[in-house]
Amino acid sequence: MSFSDLFDSGFKKRNEDHFASIVRIAMDDGVITDDEKAFLDRLARNLSISEGDYKIILKDYKSHPINPPMSYDKRLERLYDLVRMVHVDQINGDPEHKLLNKIGVGLGFHAVNVKYIADKALTLVNNGVDLDTFINEIKNMNR
């Protein structure tokens, strides 16, 4: 096996674990809504999750470990990516906020603050900011 095969395998596994974590968050209330399903479909495509792996993960998402990013900057990067996906899917209103609040908690943001973080993240993405601006604005939102 070549070095690139090892990298691809590890990258694929990390994407599957990340996807399974998001499925676990979506299943927190026991139901995947149509909006959440559309988001999961798009997320699976973006993470290169095959249709077969998608079905397996949906059926057995608890078998994958939850691996939230360790660093605050990595959590913000992942939040940025996910908020942009929710925004592109045009999930609006209350379903958008519920989904982002769940995702925020799953990424390791404190449940007390996640509503404010999600609101700020949506505003920033709606305004078309880049990743660096997004990270800076979220880090400094209380100043």
Protein backbone atom coordinates (compact mmCIF):
# COMPACT_ATOMS: atom_id res chain seq x y z
CA MET A 1 0.00 0.00 0.00
CA SER A 2 1.35 3.41 -0.92
CA PHE A 3 1.58 6.44 1.35
CA SER A 4 -1.21 8.17 -0.61
CA ASP A 5 -3.47 5.16 -0.01
CA LEU A 6 -2.89 5.51 3.73
CA PHE A 7 -3.69 9.22 3.60
CA ASP A 8 -6.82 8.67 1.53
CA SER A 9 -7.98 5.93 3.90
CA GLY A 10 -7.48 8.10 6.98
CA PHE A 11 -9.14 11.09 5.33
CA LYS A 12 -12.11 8.94 4.28
CA LYS A 13 -12.49 7.54 7.81
CA ARG A 14 -12.33 11.03 9.33
CA ASN A 15 -15.03 12.23 6.92
CA GLU A 16 -17.21 9.23 7.76
CA ASP A 17 -16.78 9.86 11.49
CA HIS A 18 -17.56 13.55 11.01
CA PHE A 19 -20.66 12.69 8.98
CA ALA A 20 -21.79 10.14 11.58
CA SER A 21 -21.41 12.81 14.29
CA ILE A 22 -23.68 15.15 12.35
CA VAL A 23 -26.21 12.31 11.85
CA ARG A 24 -26.09 11.66 15.60
CA ILE A 25 -26.81 15.34 16.23
CA ALA A 26 -29.70 15.30 13.74
CA MET A 27 -31.10 12.18 15.46
CA ASP A 28 -30.91 13.78 18.90
CA ASP A 29 -34.67 14.31 18.93
CA GLY A 30 -35.31 10.89 17.34
CA VAL A 31 -36.36 12.24 13.93
CA ILE A 32 -34.56 13.47 10.85
CA THR A 33 -36.72 16.21 9.34
CA ASP A 34 -36.92 16.82 5.60
CA ASP A 35 -34.65 19.86 6.01
CA GLU A 36 -32.12 17.82 7.98
CA LYS A 37 -32.29 15.03 5.39
CA ALA A 38 -31.59 17.49 2.57
CA PHE A 39 -28.66 18.86 4.56
CA LEU A 40 -27.31 15.35 5.25
CA ASP A 41 -27.58 14.47 1.56
CA ARG A 42 -25.55 17.52 0.61
CA LEU A 43 -23.05 16.97 3.40
CA ALA A 44 -22.53 13.36 2.31
CA ARG A 45 -21.78 14.52 -1.24
CA ASN A 46 -19.37 17.21 0.01
CA LEU A 47 -17.55 14.70 2.23
CA SER A 48 -17.41 12.08 -0.55
CA ILE A 49 -19.50 9.58 1.41
CA SER A 50 -20.63 6.83 -0.95
CA GLU A 51 -24.31 5.91 -1.14
CA GLY A 52 -23.58 2.55 0.48
CA ASP A 53 -21.61 4.12 3.34
CA TYR A 54 -24.35 6.76 3.71
CA LYS A 55 -26.98 4.08 4.29
CA ILE A 56 -24.74 2.17 6.71
CA ILE A 57 -23.97 5.31 8.72
CA LEU A 58 -27.65 6.31 8.89
CA LYS A 59 -28.51 2.86 10.18
CA ASP A 60 -25.58 2.55 12.63
CA TYR A 61 -24.34 6.08 13.33
CA LYS A 62 -23.64 5.32 17.00
CA SER A 63 -20.81 2.94 16.04
CA HIS A 64 -18.69 5.90 14.89
CA PRO A 65 -16.79 7.93 17.49
CA ILE A 66 -17.62 11.57 18.09
CA ASN A 67 -14.49 13.54 17.27
CA PRO A 68 -15.09 17.26 17.67
CA PRO A 69 -12.10 19.35 16.66
CA MET A 70 -9.69 19.94 19.53
CA SER A 71 -8.73 23.52 18.72
CA TYR A 72 -11.11 26.45 18.79
CA ASP A 73 -9.95 27.59 15.35
CA LYS A 74 -10.68 24.14 13.85
CA ARG A 75 -14.15 24.19 15.43
CA LEU A 76 -14.75 27.60 13.88
CA GLU A 77 -13.54 26.34 10.48
CA ARG A 78 -15.91 23.39 10.64
CA LEU A 79 -18.75 25.65 11.80
CA TYR A 80 -18.06 27.98 8.87
CA ASP A 81 -18.23 25.10 6.40
CA LEU A 82 -21.43 23.71 7.89
CA VAL A 83 -23.17 27.09 8.12
CA ARG A 84 -22.35 27.72 4.47
CA MET A 85 -23.89 24.34 3.56
CA VAL A 86 -27.04 25.11 5.53
CA HIS A 87 -27.16 28.53 3.86
CA VAL A 88 -26.70 27.07 0.35
CA ASP A 89 -29.44 24.49 1.03
CA GLN A 90 -31.69 27.47 1.80
CA ILE A 91 -32.89 26.01 5.08
CA ASN A 92 -34.53 29.09 6.55
CA GLY A 93 -36.11 30.21 9.79
CA ASP A 94 -36.60 28.01 12.81
CA PRO A 95 -35.37 24.74 11.17
CA GLU A 96 -32.12 26.51 10.23
CA HIS A 97 -31.57 27.74 13.78
CA LYS A 98 -32.45 24.39 15.36
CA LEU A 99 -30.06 22.55 13.05
CA LEU A 100 -27.22 25.01 13.63
CA ASN A 101 -27.75 24.98 17.39
CA LYS A 102 -27.51 21.19 17.37
CA ILE A 103 -24.41 21.28 15.18
CA GLY A 104 -22.81 23.94 17.38
CA VAL A 105 -23.26 21.85 20.51
CA GLY A 106 -21.96 18.81 18.64
CA LEU A 107 -18.85 20.76 17.66
CA GLY A 108 -18.17 21.53 21.30
CA PHE A 109 -19.63 25.00 21.75
CA HIS A 110 -21.34 25.54 25.10
CA ALA A 111 -25.13 25.09 24.97
CA VAL A 112 -25.68 28.44 26.73
CA ASN A 113 -23.80 30.36 24.03
CA VAL A 114 -24.60 28.31 20.92
CA LYS A 115 -27.70 30.32 19.95
CA TYR A 116 -25.66 33.53 19.82
CA ILE A 117 -22.82 31.84 17.95
CA ALA A 118 -25.23 30.33 15.40
CA ASP A 119 -27.01 33.67 14.89
CA LYS A 120 -23.70 35.49 14.38
CA ALA A 121 -22.42 32.73 12.08
CA LEU A 122 -25.55 32.95 9.92
CA THR A 123 -25.30 36.72 9.69
CA LEU A 124 -21.65 36.51 8.67
CA VAL A 125 -22.26 33.84 6.03
CA ASN A 126 -25.28 35.75 4.70
CA ASN A 127 -22.95 38.73 4.32
CA GLY A 128 -20.49 36.59 2.33
CA VAL A 129 -17.46 36.90 4.61
CA ASP A 130 -14.39 34.74 4.07
CA LEU A 131 -13.07 32.22 6.60
CA ASP A 132 -10.53 34.57 8.19
CA THR A 133 -13.12 37.28 8.74
CA PHE A 134 -15.59 34.70 10.05
CA ILE A 135 -13.11 33.39 12.63
CA ASN A 136 -12.10 36.89 13.71
CA GLU A 137 -15.71 38.07 14.04
CA ILE A 138 -16.82 35.02 16.06
CA LYS A 139 -13.80 35.27 18.35
CA ASN A 140 -14.46 38.94 18.97
CA MET A 141 -18.27 39.01 19.01
CA ASN A 142 -18.46 39.97 22.68
CA ARG A 143 -16.07 42.90 22.45
